Amino acid sequence: MLLTLLGITLLASTPAIPPVTCQYVNDKTACGYSCQRSTDDVRCASTPYGTCGMFNGEVYCFDPTLAAIHHPPDEGLRPECKALGNEVACGFNCLVAQGKIACARTPYGVCREHFGELKCWDPLETTIHELGAETPPPACLTASTAIACGYDCKSNRTEVKCAATPRGRCEKNDFRIDCFDPPSLLECAHTQPPDPAEVRKPKYKRRDEKAKESGQTSR
């Protein structure tokens, strides 16, 4: 009886991962998720958390990092692909400026334009595993033509440096900038991936649904 109940519990906790689909175009087969095809090409995302888009007859796909998948932001995990002319970029918090386009690899990343350069920066995977949706937004700082992104950024006339983690610190002494980041002591191990449909939802929707489920269970 106990083994039966345990089996039911494990089945109930297993996320509803959708089945892989395959598409075929011009002697080319692609299998995965969110597949898109043009007249002569077909591509798919590798995971159900990814996305694909077609621009100018070309297909582009993107998959979030594992840290972002397991620790989605409050607004939900929604990668996108955008195009500007012949340039295409996929990811999060995409920026269009100076005729260029760029995207961060995680929803906690930031993109900034400076002197015609588009720079994107993402927090470390260990930071996202440790802080999840509470990961502070990084900042970008400039000095002359230099640009750097991260945390506690400091600059002088020609140089910018930033810490790589929210707990890091940068100090400027005699025009010299030094940064230090304490090591992460967190060991994060996940046994099951989250439900793809759930990580796309904003936090308030997930919270409301849990409240309704709790109310029905208590009746």
Protein backbone atom coordinates (compact mmCIF):
# COMPACT_ATOMS: atom_id res chain seq x y z
CA MET A 1 0.00 0.00 0.00
CA LEU A 2 2.80 2.40 0.94
CA LEU A 3 4.64 1.67 -2.31
CA THR A 4 1.47 2.32 -4.29
CA LEU A 5 0.95 5.69 -2.61
CA LEU A 6 4.60 6.59 -3.22
CA GLY A 7 4.26 5.73 -6.90
CA ILE A 8 1.15 7.88 -7.22
CA THR A 9 2.92 10.79 -5.51
CA LEU A 10 5.92 10.55 -7.85
CA LEU A 11 3.67 10.43 -10.91
CA ALA A 12 1.73 13.44 -9.68
CA SER A 13 4.93 15.44 -9.14
CA THR A 14 6.35 14.67 -12.59
CA PRO A 15 5.99 17.76 -14.81
CA ALA A 16 3.86 17.57 -17.94
CA ILE A 17 6.68 17.69 -20.50
CA PRO A 18 5.08 17.83 -23.96
CA PRO A 19 6.13 15.27 -26.58
CA VAL A 20 8.78 16.05 -29.17
CA THR A 21 7.54 16.92 -32.65
CA CYS A 22 9.35 16.51 -35.97
CA GLN A 23 9.05 18.42 -39.21
CA TYR A 24 10.52 17.72 -42.64
CA VAL A 25 11.51 20.18 -45.38
CA ASN A 26 13.70 19.59 -48.44
CA ASP A 27 15.43 16.41 -47.23
CA LYS A 28 15.98 17.97 -43.80
CA THR A 29 14.30 16.75 -40.62
CA ALA A 30 14.29 18.66 -37.34
CA CYS A 31 12.85 17.43 -34.05
CA GLY A 32 12.21 19.31 -30.84
CA TYR A 33 9.84 22.03 -29.70
CA SER A 34 8.27 25.22 -31.13
CA CYS A 35 9.41 24.09 -34.59
CA GLN A 36 9.31 26.58 -37.44
CA ARG A 37 9.90 25.92 -41.11
CA SER A 38 10.46 28.02 -44.20
CA THR A 39 10.42 26.89 -47.80
CA ASP A 40 13.89 25.32 -47.49
CA ASP A 41 14.72 25.12 -43.78
CA VAL A 42 13.32 23.76 -40.55
CA ARG A 43 14.57 24.17 -36.98
CA CYS A 44 13.31 23.38 -33.48
CA ALA A 45 14.17 24.45 -29.97
CA SER A 46 15.93 21.74 -27.96
CA THR A 47 13.67 22.12 -24.90
CA PRO A 48 9.97 22.94 -24.33
CA TYR A 49 11.13 26.15 -22.65
CA GLY A 50 12.68 27.49 -25.86
CA THR A 51 11.28 29.42 -28.79
CA CYS A 52 11.75 29.74 -32.54
CA GLY A 53 11.03 32.54 -34.98
CA MET A 54 11.24 33.00 -38.73
CA PHE A 55 12.60 36.17 -40.31
CA ASN A 56 13.37 36.80 -43.96
CA GLY A 57 12.89 33.12 -44.74
CA GLU A 58 15.40 31.99 -42.09
CA VAL A 59 14.51 30.12 -38.89
CA TYR A 60 16.16 30.96 -35.56
CA CYS A 61 15.78 29.08 -32.26
CA PHE A 62 16.82 29.75 -28.69
CA ASP A 63 16.77 27.80 -25.41
CA PRO A 64 17.09 29.39 -21.95
CA THR A 65 19.85 28.30 -19.58
CA LEU A 66 19.07 25.61 -16.99
CA ALA A 67 19.34 28.15 -14.17
CA ALA A 68 16.68 30.36 -15.79
CA ILE A 69 14.42 27.37 -16.42
CA HIS A 70 14.52 26.22 -12.79
CA HIS A 71 14.36 29.77 -11.38
CA PRO A 72 12.03 31.83 -13.61
CA PRO A 73 11.42 35.52 -12.85
CA ASP A 74 8.18 36.78 -11.34
CA GLU A 75 6.86 37.81 -14.76
CA GLY A 76 7.38 34.32 -16.16
CA LEU A 77 9.96 32.86 -18.53
CA ARG A 78 9.28 34.14 -22.04
CA PRO A 79 12.23 34.17 -24.44
CA GLU A 80 11.75 35.86 -27.78
CA CYS A 81 13.39 36.34 -31.15
CA LYS A 82 13.51 39.78 -32.76
CA ALA A 83 14.75 41.06 -36.10
CA LEU A 84 16.08 44.36 -37.36
CA GLY A 85 16.79 44.31 -41.05
CA ASN A 86 19.01 41.30 -41.66
CA GLU A 87 20.05 41.02 -38.01
CA VAL A 88 18.27 38.59 -35.68
CA ALA A 89 18.77 38.06 -31.96
CA CYS A 90 17.04 35.73 -29.51
CA GLY A 91 16.89 35.78 -25.73
CA PHE A 92 15.59 38.20 -23.11
CA ASN A 93 15.40 41.97 -22.59
CA CYS A 94 16.35 42.57 -26.20
CA LEU A 95 17.66 46.01 -27.15
CA VAL A 96 17.41 47.71 -30.54
CA ALA A 97 19.75 50.67 -31.02
CA GLN A 98 22.04 52.16 -33.65
CA GLY A 99 20.71 49.82 -36.29
CA LYS A 100 21.68 46.76 -34.26
CA ILE A 101 19.89 44.28 -32.02
CA ALA A 102 21.06 42.16 -29.11
CA CYS A 103 19.48 40.06 -26.35
CA ALA A 104 20.59 38.75 -22.97
CA ARG A 105 20.87 34.98 -22.44
CA THR A 106 18.79 35.04 -19.23
CA PRO A 107 15.76 37.05 -18.05
CA TYR A 108 18.04 38.60 -15.40
CA GLY A 109 20.46 40.01 -17.97
CA VAL A 110 20.77 43.55 -19.25
CA CYS A 111 21.66 45.11 -22.62
CA ARG A 112 23.08 48.58 -23.14
CA GLU A 113 24.29 50.64 -26.09
CA HIS A 114 27.43 52.79 -25.90
CA PHE A 115 29.35 54.38 -28.77
CA GLY A 116 27.51 52.21 -31.28
CA GLU A 117 28.29 49.01 -29.39
CA LEU A 118 25.52 46.83 -27.97
CA LYS A 119 26.68 44.99 -24.88
CA CYS A 120 24.65 42.34 -23.06
CA TRP A 121 25.60 40.93 -19.68
CA ASP A 122 24.06 38.15 -17.57
CA PRO A 123 24.49 37.25 -13.89
CA LEU A 124 26.38 34.05 -13.18
CA GLU A 125 24.46 30.78 -13.20
CA THR A 126 25.37 30.32 -9.52
CA THR A 127 23.83 33.70 -8.70
CA ILE A 128 20.55 32.79 -10.41
CA HIS A 129 20.47 29.40 -8.65
CA GLU A 130 21.03 31.09 -5.31
CA LEU A 131 18.72 34.11 -5.62
CA GLY A 132 16.24 33.14 -8.34
CA ALA A 133 13.53 35.75 -8.86
CA GLU A 134 15.21 37.89 -6.17
CA THR A 135 18.32 38.36 -8.34
CA PRO A 136 19.01 42.12 -8.35
CA PRO A 137 19.06 43.76 -11.77
CA PRO A 138 22.63 44.44 -12.92
CA ALA A 139 23.71 47.89 -14.03
CA CYS A 140 25.98 49.19 -16.77
CA LEU A 141 28.46 52.05 -16.35
CA THR A 142 30.49 53.92 -18.94
CA ALA A 143 33.72 55.89 -18.99
CA SER A 144 34.86 57.47 -22.23
CA THR A 145 34.43 54.67 -24.79
CA ALA A 146 34.55 51.87 -22.20
CA ILE A 147 31.49 50.10 -20.85
CA ALA A 148 31.06 47.37 -18.24
CA CYS A 149 28.04 45.73 -16.63
CA GLY A 150 27.51 43.95 -13.35
CA TYR A 151 27.22 45.06 -9.73
CA ASP A 152 28.76 47.87 -7.69
CA CYS A 153 30.41 49.29 -10.80
CA LYS A 154 33.15 51.89 -10.45
CA SER A 155 34.82 54.04 -13.10
CA ASN A 156 37.62 56.50 -13.68
CA ARG A 157 38.24 58.55 -16.79
CA THR A 158 38.99 55.63 -19.09
CA GLU A 159 38.18 52.42 -17.22
CA VAL A 160 35.12 50.70 -15.78
CA LYS A 161 34.97 47.59 -13.63
CA CYS A 162 32.05 45.78 -12.04
CA ALA A 163 31.62 42.93 -9.60
CA ALA A 164 30.21 39.73 -11.08
CA THR A 165 27.83 39.01 -8.18
CA PRO A 166 25.39 41.08 -6.09
CA ARG A 167 27.54 40.46 -3.00
CA GLY A 168 30.69 41.60 -4.78
CA ARG A 169 32.37 44.92 -4.21
CA CYS A 170 34.53 47.28 -6.22
CA GLU A 171 36.91 49.85 -4.74
CA LYS A 172 38.65 52.77 -6.43
CA ASN A 173 41.94 53.94 -4.93
CA ASP A 174 44.43 56.25 -6.64
CA PHE A 175 42.59 55.79 -9.95
CA ARG A 176 42.95 52.02 -9.65
CA ILE A 177 39.79 49.90 -9.55
CA ASP A 178 39.75 46.48 -7.92
CA CYS A 179 36.72 44.18 -7.61
CA PHE A 180 36.15 41.15 -5.44
CA ASP A 181 33.41 38.52 -5.50
CA PRO A 182 32.91 36.05 -2.65
CA PRO A 183 32.47 32.48 -3.87
CA SER A 184 29.02 30.94 -3.91
CA LEU A 185 28.64 28.27 -1.24
CA LEU A 186 25.34 27.02 -2.61
CA GLU A 187 25.06 23.57 -4.14
CA CYS A 188 21.90 23.45 -6.21
CA ALA A 189 20.64 20.09 -7.46
CA HIS A 190 17.30 19.64 -9.24
CA THR A 191 15.69 16.24 -9.68
CA GLN A 192 12.80 17.24 -11.95
CA PRO A 193 12.41 20.06 -14.48
CA PRO A 194 9.51 22.45 -13.88
CA ASP A 195 6.30 22.29 -15.88
CA PRO A 196 6.92 24.31 -19.09
CA ALA A 197 3.42 25.78 -18.94
CA GLU A 198 3.95 26.93 -15.36
CA VAL A 199 7.25 28.76 -15.83
CA ARG A 200 5.72 30.92 -18.56
CA LYS A 201 3.05 32.24 -16.21
CA PRO A 202 3.58 35.42 -14.20
CA LYS A 203 4.00 34.85 -10.49
CA TYR A 204 0.60 36.30 -9.62
CA LYS A 205 -1.15 33.75 -11.86
CA ARG A 206 0.76 30.88 -10.29
CA ARG A 207 -0.09 32.22 -6.84
CA ASP A 208 -3.80 32.62 -7.65
CA GLU A 209 -4.03 29.09 -9.05
CA LYS A 210 -2.34 27.63 -5.97
CA ALA A 211 -4.76 29.55 -3.74
CA LYS A 212 -7.74 28.14 -5.66
CA GLU A 213 -6.34 24.61 -5.45
CA SER A 214 -5.78 24.99 -1.72
CA GLY A 215 -9.34 26.25 -1.26
CA GLN A 216 -10.81 23.30 -3.17
CA THR A 217 -8.66 20.84 -1.22
CA SER A 218 -9.77 22.23 2.14
CA ARG A 219 -13.46 21.77 1.30
